Amino acid sequence: MSTLNIHLQIPHNCWYHLSPISGCKLGGRITVDNTVTLKRGDYSRVVRGRLRIDASSEEEAGPSTSTCKLGDRRPKFVVLKIVRTVFYGRSLKREAENYELAKDLQGTVIPRSYGLYHGATPDGFVTVLMLEYVGNPRCEQLMSSPVDFNLLTLEKLIKLHDAGFIHGCVKEEHVISPGVSSFSKYDRDGGYHEDDGGPFLISLSSLRPHRCTRTLPIVESTLRPASQVFGCDELWIVASQMGIWNPGEIAYFSEAVPLSYARTPEQLARAAPLRMQSTAAGWAEALRQARTAINAFKARFPIEEDYDYDGYNFEGRFEGSESGSNEVVVSA
C-alpha cells in the first residue's frame, strides 16, 4: 500500500505521514518535500512541493488496480490541498470524486489527480488531495487578462461542458496559467510553461452534471447575444466577464440601455428622464448626450452595419471570418 509523507517547514518543521483513501495512482513510498505555501486559511492550506517516489517500495507494492505507472509523465512537482475539520474534509473528498468523474479531461482541461490521503498529524487530523502542479493562478481579473488567454480558457471550459459537466465557480483564482510562476528555480527543473497545454481549470468542488444547451459560437468583438438566446448561463457569464463580446447595452444617464433602443440618437433620447423630454431645451440636451453616448460606444466597440441589435444571430452574421475576429469554435 502506498503512503504519503509530507515535509512541512511552515509554521513548524514537521512531517505528515498519511494513508490513501481513494483515487491514489502512485504506488510505493511517496515523499513530498521542499514545500512552499501558496495559500493559507484558518482550516486549510495549499502547498507546492517536490515529489519523490521510492522506486524499490513501488516495485514491492506489486501490480494494483489503484496504482498507475506514470513513466515520463510522472510530475516532479505537485500541489497539495490540506484541510482540517470534518466539514472541510468532506468538501475535499467531494472535489476528489469530481476529479475522478472528469478523469478523461485530466492533463488537458484539469490537472491530473493523484489521490486523496488522510491521517493524524501534529496539526490534528488532516485530509490531503494531491494534484499535478501545472502553474499558478493569474493575478489579474478575467477582464484584464489577454484576449488570447481568455479564448483558450473558454475552449477548455467548453470542453468541460461538452463532456457533460458545469464547473460552477469560474473566476481568476480558479484558472491556472502554466507560464505564471513565482518558482523560477523550479521551472528550470521541470516546471510548466506556456507550451504545456494550459490554461487549466481547478477547484472542482462545485462541479456537477450538465447538458449544455448553447446555441451560438463565442466570437470575439461581436455583439453580445441575449443570455436566453445564447442558451448556457455559465459560458455566457464567463465570456461576458472576460469582455469577449461587445456589450449589448449602452450607458446613458447612468442606465444600461439595450442597443435595440439606441439605433439613433432620437431613439436613445427617449430613455432620458421624462423631465428633460418635456421641454425643448431638455430634449435638445437629451439628444446631445445621446449622440455623445453613441459616438463613444462606436469608438470603443465598432458596430457593423448588419449587426442585429436585438442580439439574435440565426443568420451567421457574427462569425468573424471577414473582420479577422477570433472565434471559439463550438458545435451547438
C-alpha atoms as a PDB file:
ATOM      1  CA  MET A   1       0.000   0.000   0.000  1.00  0.00           C
ATOM      2  CA  SER A   2       1.300   3.461  -0.860  1.00  0.00           C
ATOM      3  CA  THR A   3       1.992   6.010   1.874  1.00  0.00           C
ATOM      4  CA  LEU A   4       2.331   9.787   1.570  1.00  0.00           C
ATOM      5  CA  ASN A   5       4.990  11.567   3.600  1.00  0.00           C
ATOM      6  CA  ILE A   6       4.950  15.370   3.558  1.00  0.00           C
ATOM      7  CA  HIS A   7       7.660  17.602   4.997  1.00  0.00           C
ATOM      8  CA  LEU A   8       6.272  20.994   6.026  1.00  0.00           C
ATOM      9  CA  GLN A   9       8.613  23.768   7.126  1.00  0.00           C
ATOM     10  CA  ILE A  10       5.944  26.367   7.944  1.00  0.00           C
ATOM     11  CA  PRO A  11       4.524  27.047  10.512  1.00  0.00           C
ATOM     12  CA  HIS A  12       6.777  24.484  12.171  1.00  0.00           C
ATOM     13  CA  ASN A  13       9.194  21.880  10.912  1.00  0.00           C
ATOM     14  CA  CYS A  14       7.235  18.619  10.903  1.00  0.00           C
ATOM     15  CA  TRP A  15       6.295  15.536   8.895  1.00  0.00           C
ATOM     16  CA  TYR A  16       2.856  14.277   7.892  1.00  0.00           C
ATOM     17  CA  HIS A  17       2.549  10.508   7.402  1.00  0.00           C
ATOM     18  CA  LEU A  18      -0.714   9.761   5.620  1.00  0.00           C
ATOM     19  CA  SER A  19      -2.630   6.789   4.266  1.00  0.00           C
ATOM     20  CA  PRO A  20      -4.553   6.668   0.964  1.00  0.00           C
ATOM     21  CA  ILE A  21      -8.340   6.975   0.829  1.00  0.00           C
ATOM     22  CA  SER A  22      -9.273   6.898  -2.856  1.00  0.00           C
ATOM     23  CA  GLY A  23      -8.013   7.581  -6.372  1.00  0.00           C
ATOM     24  CA  CYS A  24      -4.385   7.023  -5.376  1.00  0.00           C
ATOM     25  CA  LYS A  25      -2.451   6.467  -8.590  1.00  0.00           C
ATOM     26  CA  LEU A  26       1.115   6.469  -7.271  1.00  0.00           C
ATOM     27  CA  GLY A  27       2.453   3.291  -5.729  1.00  0.00           C
ATOM     28  CA  GLY A  28       5.139   2.819  -3.085  1.00  0.00           C
ATOM     29  CA  ARG A  29       6.549   5.284  -0.565  1.00  0.00           C
ATOM     30  CA  ILE A  30       5.733   8.818  -1.717  1.00  0.00           C
ATOM     31  CA  THR A  31       7.578  11.811  -0.313  1.00  0.00           C
ATOM     32  CA  VAL A  32       6.816  15.484  -0.897  1.00  0.00           C
ATOM     33  CA  ASP A  33       9.445  17.927   0.378  1.00  0.00           C
ATOM     34  CA  ASN A  34      10.799  21.412  -0.408  1.00  0.00           C
ATOM     35  CA  THR A  35       7.272  22.631   0.233  1.00  0.00           C
ATOM     36  CA  VAL A  36       6.222  26.244  -0.269  1.00  0.00           C
ATOM     37  CA  THR A  37       2.862  27.583   0.930  1.00  0.00           C
ATOM     38  CA  LEU A  38       0.807  29.051  -1.926  1.00  0.00           C
ATOM     39  CA  LYS A  39      -2.348  29.877   0.026  1.00  0.00           C
ATOM     40  CA  ARG A  40      -3.433  29.584   3.634  1.00  0.00           C
ATOM     41  CA  GLY A  41      -6.705  29.833   5.536  1.00  0.00           C
ATOM     42  CA  ASP A  42      -7.894  29.116   9.058  1.00  0.00           C
ATOM     43  CA  TYR A  43      -8.554  25.430   8.349  1.00  0.00           C
ATOM     44  CA  SER A  44      -6.752  24.841   5.073  1.00  0.00           C
ATOM     45  CA  ARG A  45      -3.618  25.475   3.119  1.00  0.00           C
ATOM     46  CA  VAL A  46      -2.331  24.858  -0.371  1.00  0.00           C
ATOM     47  CA  VAL A  47       1.352  23.974  -0.787  1.00  0.00           C
ATOM     48  CA  ARG A  48       3.615  23.135  -3.674  1.00  0.00           C
ATOM     49  CA  GLY A  49       6.394  20.603  -3.229  1.00  0.00           C
ATOM     50  CA  ARG A  50       8.862  18.316  -4.939  1.00  0.00           C
ATOM     51  CA  LEU A  51       7.660  14.763  -5.482  1.00  0.00           C
ATOM     52  CA  ARG A  52       9.917  11.779  -4.879  1.00  0.00           C
ATOM     53  CA  ILE A  53       8.949   8.097  -5.066  1.00  0.00           C
ATOM     54  CA  ASP A  54      10.976   5.266  -3.613  1.00  0.00           C
ATOM     55  CA  ALA A  55      11.344   3.001  -6.642  1.00  0.00           C
ATOM     56  CA  SER A  56      12.104  -0.102  -4.554  1.00  0.00           C
ATOM     57  CA  SER A  57       8.979   0.301  -2.456  1.00  0.00           C
ATOM     58  CA  GLU A  58       6.956   0.836  -5.633  1.00  0.00           C
ATOM     59  CA  GLU A  59       8.192  -2.474  -7.005  1.00  0.00           C
ATOM     60  CA  GLU A  60       7.431  -4.180  -3.707  1.00  0.00           C
ATOM     61  CA  ALA A  61       3.877  -2.854  -3.899  1.00  0.00           C
ATOM     62  CA  GLY A  62       3.341  -5.026  -6.957  1.00  0.00           C
ATOM     63  CA  PRO A  63       0.565  -4.652  -9.530  1.00  0.00           C
ATOM     64  CA  SER A  64      -2.570  -2.945  -8.289  1.00  0.00           C
ATOM     65  CA  THR A  65      -5.712  -1.583  -9.834  1.00  0.00           C
ATOM     66  CA  SER A  66      -5.171   1.654  -7.873  1.00  0.00           C
ATOM     67  CA  THR A  67      -1.551   2.123  -8.956  1.00  0.00           C
ATOM     68  CA  CYS A  68      -0.681   3.914 -12.174  1.00  0.00           C
ATOM     69  CA  LYS A  69       2.789   3.779 -13.748  1.00  0.00           C
ATOM     70  CA  LEU A  70       3.282   7.302 -14.961  1.00  0.00           C
ATOM     71  CA  GLY A  71       6.648   6.873 -16.666  1.00  0.00           C
ATOM     72  CA  ASP A  72       7.986  10.104 -18.142  1.00  0.00           C
ATOM     73  CA  ARG A  73       4.779  11.907 -17.211  1.00  0.00           C
ATOM     74  CA  ARG A  74       5.404  11.474 -13.502  1.00  0.00           C
ATOM     75  CA  PRO A  75       5.362  15.035 -12.143  1.00  0.00           C
ATOM     76  CA  LYS A  76       8.401  16.479 -10.456  1.00  0.00           C
ATOM     77  CA  PHE A  77       6.232  18.904  -8.516  1.00  0.00           C
ATOM     78  CA  VAL A  78       2.762  18.549  -7.063  1.00  0.00           C
ATOM     79  CA  VAL A  79       0.199  20.703  -5.301  1.00  0.00           C
ATOM     80  CA  LEU A  80      -1.278  19.536  -2.011  1.00  0.00           C
ATOM     81  CA  LYS A  81      -4.620  20.816  -0.751  1.00  0.00           C
ATOM     82  CA  ILE A  82      -4.553  20.238   3.011  1.00  0.00           C
ATOM     83  CA  VAL A  83      -7.655  20.697   5.170  1.00  0.00           C
ATOM     84  CA  ARG A  84      -8.604  20.152   8.792  1.00  0.00           C
ATOM     85  CA  THR A  85     -12.043  19.509  10.357  1.00  0.00           C
ATOM     86  CA  VAL A  86     -14.659  17.021   9.199  1.00  0.00           C
ATOM     87  CA  PHE A  87     -16.598  19.640   7.214  1.00  0.00           C
ATOM     88  CA  TYR A  88     -13.681  20.668   5.003  1.00  0.00           C
ATOM     89  CA  GLY A  89     -12.599  17.051   4.722  1.00  0.00           C
ATOM     90  CA  ARG A  90     -15.987  16.168   3.216  1.00  0.00           C
ATOM     91  CA  SER A  91     -15.706  19.080   0.782  1.00  0.00           C
ATOM     92  CA  LEU A  92     -12.237  17.953  -0.301  1.00  0.00           C
ATOM     93  CA  LYS A  93     -13.460  14.375  -0.706  1.00  0.00           C
ATOM     94  CA  ARG A  94     -16.253  15.651  -2.971  1.00  0.00           C
ATOM     95  CA  GLU A  95     -13.685  17.555  -5.042  1.00  0.00           C
ATOM     96  CA  ALA A  96     -11.509  14.442  -5.340  1.00  0.00           C
ATOM     97  CA  GLU A  97     -14.547  12.473  -6.519  1.00  0.00           C
ATOM     98  CA  ASN A  98     -15.251  15.162  -9.122  1.00  0.00           C
ATOM     99  CA  TYR A  99     -11.705  14.889 -10.452  1.00  0.00           C
ATOM    100  CA  GLU A 100     -12.350  11.186 -10.930  1.00  0.00           C
ATOM    101  CA  LEU A 101     -15.686  11.831 -12.633  1.00  0.00           C
ATOM    102  CA  ALA A 102     -13.877  14.082 -15.126  1.00  0.00           C
ATOM    103  CA  LYS A 103     -10.839  11.797 -15.401  1.00  0.00           C
ATOM    104  CA  ASP A 104     -10.922  11.851 -19.222  1.00  0.00           C
ATOM    105  CA  LEU A 105     -10.132  15.586 -19.054  1.00  0.00           C
ATOM    106  CA  GLN A 106      -7.208  15.243 -16.640  1.00  0.00           C
ATOM    107  CA  GLY A 107      -3.957  16.541 -18.114  1.00  0.00           C
ATOM    108  CA  THR A 108      -5.690  18.661 -20.752  1.00  0.00           C
ATOM    109  CA  VAL A 109      -8.537  20.649 -19.163  1.00  0.00           C
ATOM    110  CA  ILE A 110      -7.935  19.967 -15.471  1.00  0.00           C
ATOM    111  CA  PRO A 111      -4.766  18.860 -13.636  1.00  0.00           C
ATOM    112  CA  ARG A 112      -4.101  15.183 -13.007  1.00  0.00           C
ATOM    113  CA  SER A 113      -5.257  13.988  -9.616  1.00  0.00           C
ATOM    114  CA  TYR A 114      -3.008  11.613  -7.684  1.00  0.00           C
ATOM    115  CA  GLY A 115      -5.386  10.711  -4.931  1.00  0.00           C
ATOM    116  CA  LEU A 116      -6.849  11.585  -1.552  1.00  0.00           C
ATOM    117  CA  TYR A 117      -4.980  10.859   1.699  1.00  0.00           C
ATOM    118  CA  HIS A 118      -5.645  11.328   5.393  1.00  0.00           C
ATOM    119  CA  GLY A 119      -4.123  10.758   8.799  1.00  0.00           C
ATOM    120  CA  ALA A 120      -3.278  12.106  12.244  1.00  0.00           C
ATOM    121  CA  THR A 121      -0.579  14.807  12.277  1.00  0.00           C
ATOM    122  CA  PRO A 122       0.978  17.292  14.745  1.00  0.00           C
ATOM    123  CA  ASP A 123      -1.673  19.743  13.466  1.00  0.00           C
ATOM    124  CA  GLY A 124      -4.560  17.369  14.063  1.00  0.00           C
ATOM    125  CA  PHE A 125      -6.364  15.034  11.675  1.00  0.00           C
ATOM    126  CA  VAL A 126      -5.975  16.209   8.072  1.00  0.00           C
ATOM    127  CA  THR A 127      -7.233  15.265   4.612  1.00  0.00           C
ATOM    128  CA  VAL A 128      -4.988  15.927   1.607  1.00  0.00           C
ATOM    129  CA  LEU A 129      -5.692  15.994  -2.133  1.00  0.00           C
ATOM    130  CA  MET A 130      -2.586  15.645  -4.302  1.00  0.00           C
ATOM    131  CA  LEU A 131      -2.684  17.208  -7.770  1.00  0.00           C
ATOM    132  CA  GLU A 132      -0.252  17.677 -10.614  1.00  0.00           C
ATOM    133  CA  TYR A 133       1.420  21.090 -10.484  1.00  0.00           C
ATOM    134  CA  VAL A 134       0.550  22.976 -13.666  1.00  0.00           C
ATOM    135  CA  GLY A 135       1.287  26.585 -12.715  1.00  0.00           C
ATOM    136  CA  ASN A 136      -0.121  29.382 -10.589  1.00  0.00           C
ATOM    137  CA  PRO A 137      -3.398  31.303 -10.762  1.00  0.00           C
ATOM    138  CA  ARG A 138      -3.342  34.556 -12.683  1.00  0.00           C
ATOM    139  CA  CYS A 139      -3.209  37.702 -10.568  1.00  0.00           C
ATOM    140  CA  GLU A 140      -5.338  39.941 -12.763  1.00  0.00           C
ATOM    141  CA  GLN A 141      -9.086  39.748 -13.200  1.00  0.00           C
ATOM    142  CA  LEU A 142     -10.550  37.889 -16.159  1.00  0.00           C
ATOM    143  CA  MET A 143     -11.409  41.190 -17.851  1.00  0.00           C
ATOM    144  CA  SER A 144      -7.732  42.258 -17.598  1.00  0.00           C
ATOM    145  CA  SER A 145      -6.237  39.010 -18.923  1.00  0.00           C
ATOM    146  CA  PRO A 146      -5.013  38.885 -22.554  1.00  0.00           C
ATOM    147  CA  VAL A 147      -7.784  38.096 -25.025  1.00  0.00           C
ATOM    148  CA  ASP A 148      -5.901  35.089 -26.455  1.00  0.00           C
ATOM    149  CA  PHE A 149      -5.554  33.600 -22.969  1.00  0.00           C
ATOM    150  CA  ASN A 150      -9.251  34.145 -22.249  1.00  0.00           C
ATOM    151  CA  LEU A 151     -10.223  32.477 -25.532  1.00  0.00           C
ATOM    152  CA  LEU A 152      -8.071  29.471 -24.615  1.00  0.00           C
ATOM    153  CA  THR A 153      -9.739  29.373 -21.200  1.00  0.00           C
ATOM    154  CA  LEU A 154     -13.151  29.381 -22.869  1.00  0.00           C
ATOM    155  CA  GLU A 155     -12.075  26.494 -25.114  1.00  0.00           C
ATOM    156  CA  LYS A 156     -11.189  24.479 -22.018  1.00  0.00           C
ATOM    157  CA  LEU A 157     -14.473  25.394 -20.339  1.00  0.00           C
ATOM    158  CA  ILE A 158     -16.380  24.382 -23.471  1.00  0.00           C
ATOM    159  CA  LYS A 159     -14.607  21.001 -23.456  1.00  0.00           C
ATOM    160  CA  LEU A 160     -15.737  20.572 -19.855  1.00  0.00           C
ATOM    161  CA  HIS A 161     -19.325  21.362 -20.893  1.00  0.00           C
ATOM    162  CA  ASP A 162     -19.136  19.028 -23.878  1.00  0.00           C
ATOM    163  CA  ALA A 163     -18.009  16.255 -21.524  1.00  0.00           C
ATOM    164  CA  GLY A 164     -21.219  16.767 -19.540  1.00  0.00           C
ATOM    165  CA  PHE A 165     -20.103  18.975 -16.653  1.00  0.00           C
ATOM    166  CA  ILE A 166     -20.524  22.530 -15.421  1.00  0.00           C
ATOM    167  CA  HIS A 167     -17.667  23.999 -13.385  1.00  0.00           C
ATOM    168  CA  GLY A 168     -19.876  26.085 -11.132  1.00  0.00           C
ATOM    169  CA  CYS A 169     -17.276  28.604  -9.913  1.00  0.00           C
ATOM    170  CA  VAL A 170     -15.137  30.055 -12.718  1.00  0.00           C
ATOM    171  CA  LYS A 171     -13.044  33.009 -11.538  1.00  0.00           C
ATOM    172  CA  GLU A 172      -9.453  34.150 -11.952  1.00  0.00           C
ATOM    173  CA  GLU A 173      -8.063  32.181  -8.985  1.00  0.00           C
ATOM    174  CA  HIS A 174      -9.544  29.002 -10.456  1.00  0.00           C
ATOM    175  CA  VAL A 175      -7.789  29.409 -13.825  1.00  0.00           C
ATOM    176  CA  ILE A 176      -4.170  28.248 -13.921  1.00  0.00           C
ATOM    177  CA  SER A 177      -1.656  29.660 -16.381  1.00  0.00           C
ATOM    178  CA  PRO A 178       1.369  27.407 -16.945  1.00  0.00           C
ATOM    179  CA  GLY A 179       3.537  30.461 -17.645  1.00  0.00           C
ATOM    180  CA  VAL A 180       2.700  32.174 -14.333  1.00  0.00           C
ATOM    181  CA  SER A 181       5.044  31.051 -11.600  1.00  0.00           C
ATOM    182  CA  SER A 182       6.967  32.572  -8.730  1.00  0.00           C
ATOM    183  CA  PHE A 183       9.211  29.499  -8.593  1.00  0.00           C
ATOM    184  CA  SER A 184      11.631  30.154 -11.449  1.00  0.00           C
ATOM    185  CA  LYS A 185      14.303  27.941  -9.884  1.00  0.00           C
ATOM    186  CA  TYR A 186      11.841  25.041 -10.012  1.00  0.00           C
ATOM    187  CA  ASP A 187      10.743  25.807 -13.572  1.00  0.00           C
ATOM    188  CA  ARG A 188      14.244  25.038 -14.831  1.00  0.00           C
ATOM    189  CA  ASP A 189      13.929  21.630 -13.200  1.00  0.00           C
ATOM    190  CA  GLY A 190      10.684  20.590 -14.823  1.00  0.00           C
ATOM    191  CA  GLY A 191       8.029  23.203 -14.190  1.00  0.00           C
ATOM    192  CA  TYR A 192       5.374  24.029 -16.731  1.00  0.00           C
ATOM    193  CA  HIS A 193       5.494  26.735 -19.382  1.00  0.00           C
ATOM    194  CA  GLU A 194       3.089  28.293 -21.906  1.00  0.00           C
ATOM    195  CA  ASP A 195       3.514  25.425 -24.373  1.00  0.00           C
ATOM    196  CA  ASP A 196       2.470  22.764 -21.863  1.00  0.00           C
ATOM    197  CA  GLY A 197      -1.212  22.678 -22.727  1.00  0.00           C
ATOM    198  CA  GLY A 198      -2.609  25.390 -20.468  1.00  0.00           C
ATOM    199  CA  PRO A 199      -4.637  27.029 -19.197  1.00  0.00           C
ATOM    200  CA  PHE A 200      -6.163  24.601 -16.712  1.00  0.00           C
ATOM    201  CA  LEU A 201      -9.329  24.781 -14.617  1.00  0.00           C
ATOM    202  CA  ILE A 202      -9.058  23.911 -10.919  1.00  0.00           C
ATOM    203  CA  SER A 203     -11.221  23.845  -7.766  1.00  0.00           C
ATOM    204  CA  LEU A 204     -13.860  21.329  -8.810  1.00  0.00           C
ATOM    205  CA  SER A 205     -15.857  21.195  -5.579  1.00  0.00           C
ATOM    206  CA  SER A 206     -18.827  22.811  -7.371  1.00  0.00           C
ATOM    207  CA  LEU A 207     -18.613  20.568 -10.453  1.00  0.00           C
ATOM    208  CA  ARG A 208     -21.912  18.920 -11.381  1.00  0.00           C
ATOM    209  CA  PRO A 209     -23.533  17.155 -14.353  1.00  0.00           C
ATOM    210  CA  HIS A 210     -24.643  19.471 -17.122  1.00  0.00           C
ATOM    211  CA  ARG A 211     -26.252  19.211 -20.526  1.00  0.00           C
ATOM    212  CA  CYS A 212     -25.051  22.279 -22.388  1.00  0.00           C
ATOM    213  CA  THR A 213     -27.796  23.944 -24.424  1.00  0.00           C
ATOM    214  CA  ARG A 214     -25.769  26.750 -26.014  1.00  0.00           C
ATOM    215  CA  THR A 215     -26.973  27.675 -29.489  1.00  0.00           C
ATOM    216  CA  LEU A 216     -24.227  30.038 -30.725  1.00  0.00           C
ATOM    217  CA  PRO A 217     -20.457  30.172 -31.077  1.00  0.00           C
ATOM    218  CA  ILE A 218     -18.472  32.611 -28.935  1.00  0.00           C
ATOM    219  CA  VAL A 219     -16.794  35.112 -31.255  1.00  0.00           C
ATOM    220  CA  GLU A 220     -14.511  37.911 -30.151  1.00  0.00           C
ATOM    221  CA  SER A 221     -15.628  41.528 -30.698  1.00  0.00           C
ATOM    222  CA  THR A 222     -19.144  40.686 -31.826  1.00  0.00           C
ATOM    223  CA  LEU A 223     -22.321  41.897 -30.189  1.00  0.00           C
ATOM    224  CA  ARG A 224     -23.165  40.030 -27.013  1.00  0.00           C
ATOM    225  CA  PRO A 225     -26.265  37.883 -27.535  1.00  0.00           C
ATOM    226  CA  ALA A 226     -29.070  37.850 -25.033  1.00  0.00           C
ATOM    227  CA  SER A 227     -28.435  35.201 -22.375  1.00  0.00           C
ATOM    228  CA  GLN A 228     -31.719  33.418 -23.092  1.00  0.00           C
ATOM    229  CA  VAL A 229     -30.793  33.265 -26.778  1.00  0.00           C
ATOM    230  CA  PHE A 230     -27.250  32.002 -26.143  1.00  0.00           C
ATOM    231  CA  GLY A 231     -28.629  29.190 -24.017  1.00  0.00           C
ATOM    232  CA  CYS A 232     -25.879  28.434 -21.452  1.00  0.00           C
ATOM    233  CA  ASP A 233     -25.649  30.637 -18.361  1.00  0.00           C
ATOM    234  CA  GLU A 234     -22.120  29.713 -17.244  1.00  0.00           C
ATOM    235  CA  LEU A 235     -20.483  30.212 -20.646  1.00  0.00           C
ATOM    236  CA  TRP A 236     -22.447  33.445 -21.201  1.00  0.00           C
ATOM    237  CA  ILE A 237     -21.453  34.872 -17.811  1.00  0.00           C
ATOM    238  CA  VAL A 238     -17.772  33.928 -18.148  1.00  0.00           C
ATOM    239  CA  ALA A 239     -17.500  35.274 -21.708  1.00  0.00           C
ATOM    240  CA  SER A 240     -19.177  38.497 -20.558  1.00  0.00           C
ATOM    241  CA  GLN A 241     -16.816  38.851 -17.595  1.00  0.00           C
ATOM    242  CA  MET A 242     -13.851  38.368 -19.925  1.00  0.00           C
ATOM    243  CA  GLY A 243     -15.064  41.106 -22.245  1.00  0.00           C
ATOM    244  CA  ILE A 244     -15.022  38.779 -25.261  1.00  0.00           C
ATOM    245  CA  TRP A 245     -18.210  40.266 -26.684  1.00  0.00           C
ATOM    246  CA  ASN A 246     -19.110  43.864 -27.326  1.00  0.00           C
ATOM    247  CA  PRO A 247     -21.759  44.762 -24.734  1.00  0.00           C
ATOM    248  CA  GLY A 248     -25.392  44.660 -25.738  1.00  0.00           C
ATOM    249  CA  GLU A 249     -26.167  47.829 -23.774  1.00  0.00           C
ATOM    250  CA  ILE A 250     -25.097  51.465 -23.981  1.00  0.00           C
ATOM    251  CA  ALA A 251     -24.519  53.698 -20.954  1.00  0.00           C
ATOM    252  CA  TYR A 252     -26.916  56.648 -20.933  1.00  0.00           C
ATOM    253  CA  PHE A 253     -27.872  58.762 -17.896  1.00  0.00           C
ATOM    254  CA  SER A 254     -26.448  56.120 -15.511  1.00  0.00           C
ATOM    255  CA  GLU A 255     -28.643  53.462 -17.109  1.00  0.00           C
ATOM    256  CA  ALA A 256     -27.751  50.481 -19.288  1.00  0.00           C
ATOM    257  CA  VAL A 257     -29.978  50.893 -22.346  1.00  0.00           C
ATOM    258  CA  PRO A 258     -30.241  47.889 -24.725  1.00  0.00           C
ATOM    259  CA  LEU A 259     -28.773  48.636 -28.153  1.00  0.00           C
ATOM    260  CA  SER A 260     -32.121  47.764 -29.705  1.00  0.00           C
ATOM    261  CA  TYR A 261     -33.314  51.073 -28.200  1.00  0.00           C
ATOM    262  CA  ALA A 262     -30.252  53.032 -29.321  1.00  0.00           C
ATOM    263  CA  ARG A 263     -30.155  52.707 -33.097  1.00  0.00           C
ATOM    264  CA  THR A 264     -30.358  56.512 -33.472  1.00  0.00           C
ATOM    265  CA  PRO A 265     -29.831  59.477 -31.113  1.00  0.00           C
ATOM    266  CA  GLU A 266     -33.560  60.213 -31.315  1.00  0.00           C
ATOM    267  CA  GLN A 267     -34.431  56.703 -30.213  1.00  0.00           C
ATOM    268  CA  LEU A 268     -31.889  56.719 -27.367  1.00  0.00           C
ATOM    269  CA  ALA A 269     -33.052  60.146 -26.214  1.00  0.00           C
ATOM    270  CA  ARG A 270     -36.441  58.616 -25.385  1.00  0.00           C
ATOM    271  CA  ALA A 271     -34.683  56.871 -22.492  1.00  0.00           C
ATOM    272  CA  ALA A 272     -33.780  60.250 -20.957  1.00  0.00           C
ATOM    273  CA  PRO A 273     -35.570  61.360 -17.786  1.00  0.00           C
ATOM    274  CA  LEU A 274     -39.129  62.488 -18.515  1.00  0.00           C
ATOM    275  CA  ARG A 275     -38.451  65.976 -17.105  1.00  0.00           C
ATOM    276  CA  MET A 276     -35.882  66.518 -19.903  1.00  0.00           C
ATOM    277  CA  GLN A 277     -38.269  65.329 -22.603  1.00  0.00           C
ATOM    278  CA  SER A 278     -40.958  67.786 -21.514  1.00  0.00           C
ATOM    279  CA  THR A 279     -39.128  70.927 -22.696  1.00  0.00           C
ATOM    280  CA  ALA A 280     -37.395  71.901 -25.929  1.00  0.00           C
ATOM    281  CA  ALA A 281     -34.143  72.711 -24.127  1.00  0.00           C
ATOM    282  CA  GLY A 282     -34.272  69.430 -22.226  1.00  0.00           C
ATOM    283  CA  TRP A 283     -34.936  67.456 -25.400  1.00  0.00           C
ATOM    284  CA  ALA A 284     -32.005  69.186 -27.133  1.00  0.00           C
ATOM    285  CA  GLU A 285     -29.724  68.259 -24.215  1.00  0.00           C
ATOM    286  CA  ALA A 286     -31.008  64.659 -24.263  1.00  0.00           C
ATOM    287  CA  LEU A 287     -30.207  64.439 -27.999  1.00  0.00           C
ATOM    288  CA  ARG A 288     -26.754  65.904 -27.458  1.00  0.00           C
ATOM    289  CA  GLN A 289     -25.924  63.392 -24.737  1.00  0.00           C
ATOM    290  CA  ALA A 290     -27.417  60.581 -26.834  1.00  0.00           C
ATOM    291  CA  ARG A 291     -25.084  61.449 -29.745  1.00  0.00           C
ATOM    292  CA  THR A 292     -22.131  61.593 -27.351  1.00  0.00           C
ATOM    293  CA  ALA A 293     -23.017  58.196 -25.848  1.00  0.00           C
ATOM    294  CA  ILE A 294     -23.459  56.527 -29.245  1.00  0.00           C
ATOM    295  CA  ASN A 295     -20.227  58.003 -30.635  1.00  0.00           C
ATOM    296  CA  ALA A 296     -18.298  56.916 -27.542  1.00  0.00           C
ATOM    297  CA  PHE A 297     -19.726  53.415 -27.829  1.00  0.00           C
ATOM    298  CA  LYS A 298     -18.859  53.129 -31.527  1.00  0.00           C
ATOM    299  CA  ALA A 299     -15.335  54.410 -30.881  1.00  0.00           C
ATOM    300  CA  ARG A 300     -14.726  51.650 -28.343  1.00  0.00           C
ATOM    301  CA  PHE A 301     -16.861  48.920 -29.901  1.00  0.00           C
ATOM    302  CA  PRO A 302     -17.042  49.275 -33.722  1.00  0.00           C
ATOM    303  CA  ILE A 303     -20.537  48.330 -34.883  1.00  0.00           C
ATOM    304  CA  GLU A 304     -21.013  46.669 -38.246  1.00  0.00           C
ATOM    305  CA  GLU A 305     -23.906  47.775 -40.407  1.00  0.00           C
ATOM    306  CA  ASP A 306     -25.562  44.365 -40.362  1.00  0.00           C
ATOM    307  CA  TYR A 307     -25.476  43.863 -36.581  1.00  0.00           C
ATOM    308  CA  ASP A 308     -28.718  42.542 -35.204  1.00  0.00           C
ATOM    309  CA  TYR A 309     -29.242  44.989 -32.353  1.00  0.00           C
ATOM    310  CA  ASP A 310     -31.644  42.631 -30.622  1.00  0.00           C
ATOM    311  CA  GLY A 311     -28.799  40.195 -30.026  1.00  0.00           C
ATOM    312  CA  TYR A 312     -30.025  37.370 -32.265  1.00  0.00           C
ATOM    313  CA  ASN A 313     -27.627  35.503 -34.500  1.00  0.00           C
ATOM    314  CA  PHE A 314     -29.504  32.950 -36.570  1.00  0.00           C
ATOM    315  CA  GLU A 315     -28.022  34.037 -39.902  1.00  0.00           C
ATOM    316  CA  GLY A 316     -24.361  33.570 -39.010  1.00  0.00           C
ATOM    317  CA  ARG A 317     -23.543  37.281 -39.246  1.00  0.00           C
ATOM    318  CA  PHE A 318     -21.215  37.250 -36.243  1.00  0.00           C
ATOM    319  CA  GLU A 319     -18.856  34.536 -37.409  1.00  0.00           C
ATOM    320  CA  GLY A 320     -15.941  36.988 -37.619  1.00  0.00           C
ATOM    321  CA  SER A 321     -14.374  35.492 -40.729  1.00  0.00           C
ATOM    322  CA  GLU A 322     -14.320  38.779 -42.641  1.00  0.00           C
ATOM    323  CA  SER A 323     -13.344  41.072 -39.774  1.00  0.00           C
ATOM    324  CA  GLY A 324     -10.488  38.884 -38.538  1.00  0.00           C
ATOM    325  CA  SER A 325     -12.120  38.222 -35.166  1.00  0.00           C
ATOM    326  CA  ASN A 326     -11.067  35.285 -33.052  1.00  0.00           C
ATOM    327  CA  GLU A 327     -13.692  32.590 -32.732  1.00  0.00           C
ATOM    328  CA  VAL A 328     -14.061  29.819 -30.215  1.00  0.00           C
ATOM    329  CA  VAL A 329     -15.315  27.048 -32.464  1.00  0.00           C
ATOM    330  CA  VAL A 330     -18.302  25.387 -30.840  1.00  0.00           C
ATOM    331  CA  SER A 331     -20.639  22.801 -32.203  1.00  0.00           C
ATOM    332  CA  ALA A 332     -24.051  23.735 -30.911  1.00  0.00           C
END
